[in-house]
Amino acid sequence: MNPADAIQKKRLTTMFAIDVVCFVLAGAAVIGYVAADIGWLAPVFIGAIAVGLGAQIWFILGWMKAAKRDGEGKAS
């Protein structure tokens, strides 16, 4: 495995970890907001969704950068 592939694998693993944490946090926040009527959990839900989406954008931008360096339109 060349260094570019190792970086992409690490980036993918990091993105998955962030997304899992955000998914669990958003689920708990929406249940707490709806079931227990805890108002401050609404911004927590929105924040978890935003951070999860940000992690995916970070991964895709890294993939695009690697593809641009590769010159063939694909990341190694």
N, C-alpha and C. Protein backbone atom coordinates (compact mmCIF):
# COMPACT_ATOMS: atom_id res chain seq x y z
N MET A 1 0.85 -1.17 0.00
CA MET A 1 0.00 0.00 0.00
C MET A 1 0.90 1.24 0.00
N ASN A 2 0.65 2.11 -0.95
CA ASN A 2 1.47 3.32 -1.01
C ASN A 2 0.97 4.33 0.03
N PRO A 3 1.77 5.36 0.30
CA PRO A 3 1.41 6.33 1.34
C PRO A 3 0.08 7.04 1.09
N ALA A 4 -0.24 7.34 -0.16
CA ALA A 4 -1.50 8.03 -0.46
C ALA A 4 -2.69 7.15 -0.10
N ASP A 5 -2.59 5.86 -0.38
CA ASP A 5 -3.68 4.94 -0.02
C ASP A 5 -3.81 4.81 1.49
N ALA A 6 -2.69 4.80 2.19
CA ALA A 6 -2.73 4.70 3.65
C ALA A 6 -3.40 5.93 4.26
N ILE A 7 -3.12 7.10 3.70
CA ILE A 7 -3.74 8.33 4.19
C ILE A 7 -5.24 8.30 3.96
N GLN A 8 -5.66 7.83 2.77
CA GLN A 8 -7.08 7.76 2.47
C GLN A 8 -7.80 6.74 3.36
N LYS A 9 -7.13 5.62 3.65
CA LYS A 9 -7.73 4.62 4.53
C LYS A 9 -7.90 5.18 5.94
N LYS A 10 -6.91 5.91 6.41
CA LYS A 10 -7.00 6.53 7.73
C LYS A 10 -8.10 7.60 7.74
N ARG A 11 -8.20 8.37 6.67
CA ARG A 11 -9.23 9.39 6.56
C ARG A 11 -10.63 8.75 6.56
N LEU A 12 -10.78 7.63 5.84
CA LEU A 12 -12.06 6.93 5.79
C LEU A 12 -12.45 6.39 7.17
N THR A 13 -11.49 5.79 7.86
CA THR A 13 -11.75 5.25 9.19
C THR A 13 -12.14 6.36 10.16
N THR A 14 -11.45 7.49 10.07
CA THR A 14 -11.77 8.63 10.93
C THR A 14 -13.17 9.16 10.64
N MET A 15 -13.51 9.25 9.35
CA MET A 15 -14.84 9.72 8.98
C MET A 15 -15.92 8.79 9.51
N PHE A 16 -15.71 7.48 9.38
CA PHE A 16 -16.69 6.53 9.90
C PHE A 16 -16.85 6.67 11.42
N ALA A 17 -15.76 6.82 12.13
CA ALA A 17 -15.83 6.96 13.59
C ALA A 17 -16.60 8.22 13.98
N ILE A 18 -16.31 9.33 13.32
CA ILE A 18 -17.02 10.58 13.61
C ILE A 18 -18.50 10.44 13.30
N ASP A 19 -18.81 9.82 12.16
CA ASP A 19 -20.22 9.66 11.77
C ASP A 19 -20.99 8.76 12.73
N VAL A 20 -20.37 7.71 13.22
CA VAL A 20 -21.04 6.83 14.19
C VAL A 20 -21.33 7.59 15.48
N VAL A 21 -20.36 8.33 15.97
CA VAL A 21 -20.57 9.11 17.20
C VAL A 21 -21.68 10.14 16.99
N CYS A 22 -21.65 10.83 15.86
CA CYS A 22 -22.67 11.83 15.58
C CYS A 22 -24.05 11.20 15.41
N PHE A 23 -24.12 10.02 14.81
CA PHE A 23 -25.39 9.33 14.63
C PHE A 23 -25.99 8.98 15.99
N VAL A 24 -25.19 8.43 16.87
CA VAL A 24 -25.69 8.05 18.21
C VAL A 24 -26.09 9.30 18.99
N LEU A 25 -25.27 10.33 18.92
CA LEU A 25 -25.57 11.57 19.64
C LEU A 25 -26.83 12.23 19.10
N ALA A 26 -26.98 12.28 17.78
CA ALA A 26 -28.19 12.87 17.19
C ALA A 26 -29.43 12.06 17.56
N GLY A 27 -29.31 10.75 17.55
CA GLY A 27 -30.45 9.92 17.94
C GLY A 27 -30.86 10.14 19.38
N ALA A 28 -29.89 10.19 20.26
CA ALA A 28 -30.19 10.44 21.67
C ALA A 28 -30.77 11.84 21.86
N ALA A 29 -30.26 12.80 21.13
CA ALA A 29 -30.74 14.18 21.26
C ALA A 29 -32.18 14.31 20.78
N VAL A 30 -32.50 13.69 19.66
CA VAL A 30 -33.87 13.83 19.14
C VAL A 30 -34.86 13.07 20.04
N ILE A 31 -34.47 11.95 20.59
CA ILE A 31 -35.35 11.23 21.52
C ILE A 31 -35.55 12.05 22.80
N GLY A 32 -34.48 12.62 23.31
CA GLY A 32 -34.60 13.46 24.50
C GLY A 32 -35.42 14.71 24.26
N TYR A 33 -35.28 15.28 23.08
CA TYR A 33 -36.03 16.49 22.74
C TYR A 33 -37.52 16.19 22.60
N VAL A 34 -37.85 15.11 21.91
CA VAL A 34 -39.26 14.79 21.65
C VAL A 34 -39.91 14.13 22.86
N ALA A 35 -39.27 13.11 23.43
CA ALA A 35 -39.90 12.32 24.49
C ALA A 35 -39.87 13.04 25.85
N ALA A 36 -38.71 13.63 26.16
CA ALA A 36 -38.57 14.24 27.48
C ALA A 36 -38.76 15.75 27.46
N ASP A 37 -39.00 16.32 26.28
CA ASP A 37 -39.23 17.76 26.12
C ASP A 37 -38.10 18.60 26.72
N ILE A 38 -36.87 18.19 26.41
CA ILE A 38 -35.69 18.93 26.86
C ILE A 38 -35.27 19.84 25.70
N GLY A 39 -35.56 21.11 25.83
CA GLY A 39 -35.40 22.07 24.74
C GLY A 39 -33.98 22.27 24.26
N TRP A 40 -33.02 22.17 25.15
CA TRP A 40 -31.64 22.45 24.73
C TRP A 40 -31.04 21.33 23.90
N LEU A 41 -31.75 20.22 23.72
CA LEU A 41 -31.22 19.13 22.90
C LEU A 41 -31.43 19.37 21.40
N ALA A 42 -32.29 20.32 21.03
CA ALA A 42 -32.48 20.62 19.61
C ALA A 42 -31.18 21.14 18.98
N PRO A 43 -30.47 22.10 19.59
CA PRO A 43 -29.20 22.52 19.00
C PRO A 43 -28.14 21.42 19.00
N VAL A 44 -28.20 20.52 19.98
CA VAL A 44 -27.27 19.39 20.01
C VAL A 44 -27.51 18.50 18.79
N PHE A 45 -28.78 18.25 18.48
CA PHE A 45 -29.14 17.46 17.31
C PHE A 45 -28.63 18.12 16.03
N ILE A 46 -28.90 19.40 15.88
CA ILE A 46 -28.45 20.14 14.68
C ILE A 46 -26.93 20.12 14.59
N GLY A 47 -26.25 20.30 15.71
CA GLY A 47 -24.79 20.29 15.72
C GLY A 47 -24.21 18.93 15.34
N ALA A 48 -24.82 17.86 15.83
CA ALA A 48 -24.35 16.52 15.50
C ALA A 48 -24.52 16.24 14.01
N ILE A 49 -25.64 16.67 13.44
CA ILE A 49 -25.86 16.50 12.01
C ILE A 49 -24.83 17.29 11.22
N ALA A 50 -24.56 18.54 11.64
CA ALA A 50 -23.60 19.40 10.94
C ALA A 50 -22.19 18.82 11.01
N VAL A 51 -21.79 18.31 12.15
CA VAL A 51 -20.45 17.74 12.29
C VAL A 51 -20.31 16.47 11.47
N GLY A 52 -21.33 15.63 11.46
CA GLY A 52 -21.30 14.42 10.64
C GLY A 52 -21.20 14.74 9.16
N LEU A 53 -21.96 15.72 8.72
CA LEU A 53 -21.89 16.15 7.32
C LEU A 53 -20.52 16.75 7.01
N GLY A 54 -19.99 17.51 7.96
CA GLY A 54 -18.66 18.09 7.78
C GLY A 54 -17.58 17.02 7.63
N ALA A 55 -17.70 15.93 8.38
CA ALA A 55 -16.73 14.83 8.27
C ALA A 55 -16.79 14.20 6.89
N GLN A 56 -17.99 14.06 6.34
CA GLN A 56 -18.12 13.48 5.01
C GLN A 56 -17.55 14.41 3.94
N ILE A 57 -17.79 15.72 4.09
CA ILE A 57 -17.22 16.69 3.15
C ILE A 57 -15.70 16.68 3.23
N TRP A 58 -15.17 16.58 4.45
CA TRP A 58 -13.72 16.53 4.64
C TRP A 58 -13.12 15.32 3.93
N PHE A 59 -13.80 14.17 4.01
CA PHE A 59 -13.33 12.97 3.34
C PHE A 59 -13.36 13.14 1.82
N ILE A 60 -14.44 13.65 1.29
CA ILE A 60 -14.57 13.81 -0.15
C ILE A 60 -13.55 14.81 -0.69
N LEU A 61 -13.33 15.91 0.02
CA LEU A 61 -12.33 16.88 -0.43
C LEU A 61 -10.92 16.27 -0.42
N GLY A 62 -10.62 15.45 0.57
CA GLY A 62 -9.33 14.76 0.60
C GLY A 62 -9.18 13.79 -0.55
N TRP A 63 -10.27 13.11 -0.88
CA TRP A 63 -10.28 12.18 -2.00
C TRP A 63 -10.06 12.92 -3.31
N MET A 64 -10.73 14.07 -3.46
CA MET A 64 -10.55 14.87 -4.68
C MET A 64 -9.12 15.38 -4.81
N LYS A 65 -8.53 15.78 -3.69
CA LYS A 65 -7.15 16.26 -3.71
C LYS A 65 -6.20 15.14 -4.12
N ALA A 66 -6.44 13.94 -3.59
CA ALA A 66 -5.60 12.80 -3.94
C ALA A 66 -5.77 12.43 -5.41
N ALA A 67 -7.00 12.53 -5.92
CA ALA A 67 -7.26 12.20 -7.33
C ALA A 67 -6.59 13.22 -8.24
N LYS A 68 -6.57 14.47 -7.82
CA LYS A 68 -5.92 15.51 -8.62
C LYS A 68 -4.42 15.26 -8.69
N ARG A 69 -3.83 14.81 -7.59
CA ARG A 69 -2.39 14.50 -7.58
C ARG A 69 -2.10 13.28 -8.44
N ASP A 70 -3.04 12.32 -8.41
CA ASP A 70 -2.87 11.09 -9.18
C ASP A 70 -2.93 11.37 -10.68
N GLY A 71 -3.76 12.32 -11.06
CA GLY A 71 -3.85 12.72 -12.45
C GLY A 71 -4.72 11.84 -13.32
N GLU A 72 -5.28 10.77 -12.79
CA GLU A 72 -6.11 9.86 -13.59
C GLU A 72 -7.59 9.99 -13.24
N GLY A 73 -7.94 10.89 -12.34
CA GLY A 73 -9.33 11.05 -11.98
C GLY A 73 -9.81 10.10 -10.90
N LYS A 74 -8.91 9.29 -10.35
CA LYS A 74 -9.28 8.40 -9.26
C LYS A 74 -8.18 8.43 -8.22
N ALA A 75 -8.54 8.16 -6.99
CA ALA A 75 -7.55 8.17 -5.91
C ALA A 75 -6.80 6.86 -5.88
N SER A 76 -5.67 6.81 -6.51
CA SER A 76 -4.78 5.65 -6.59
C SER A 76 -5.55 4.42 -6.90
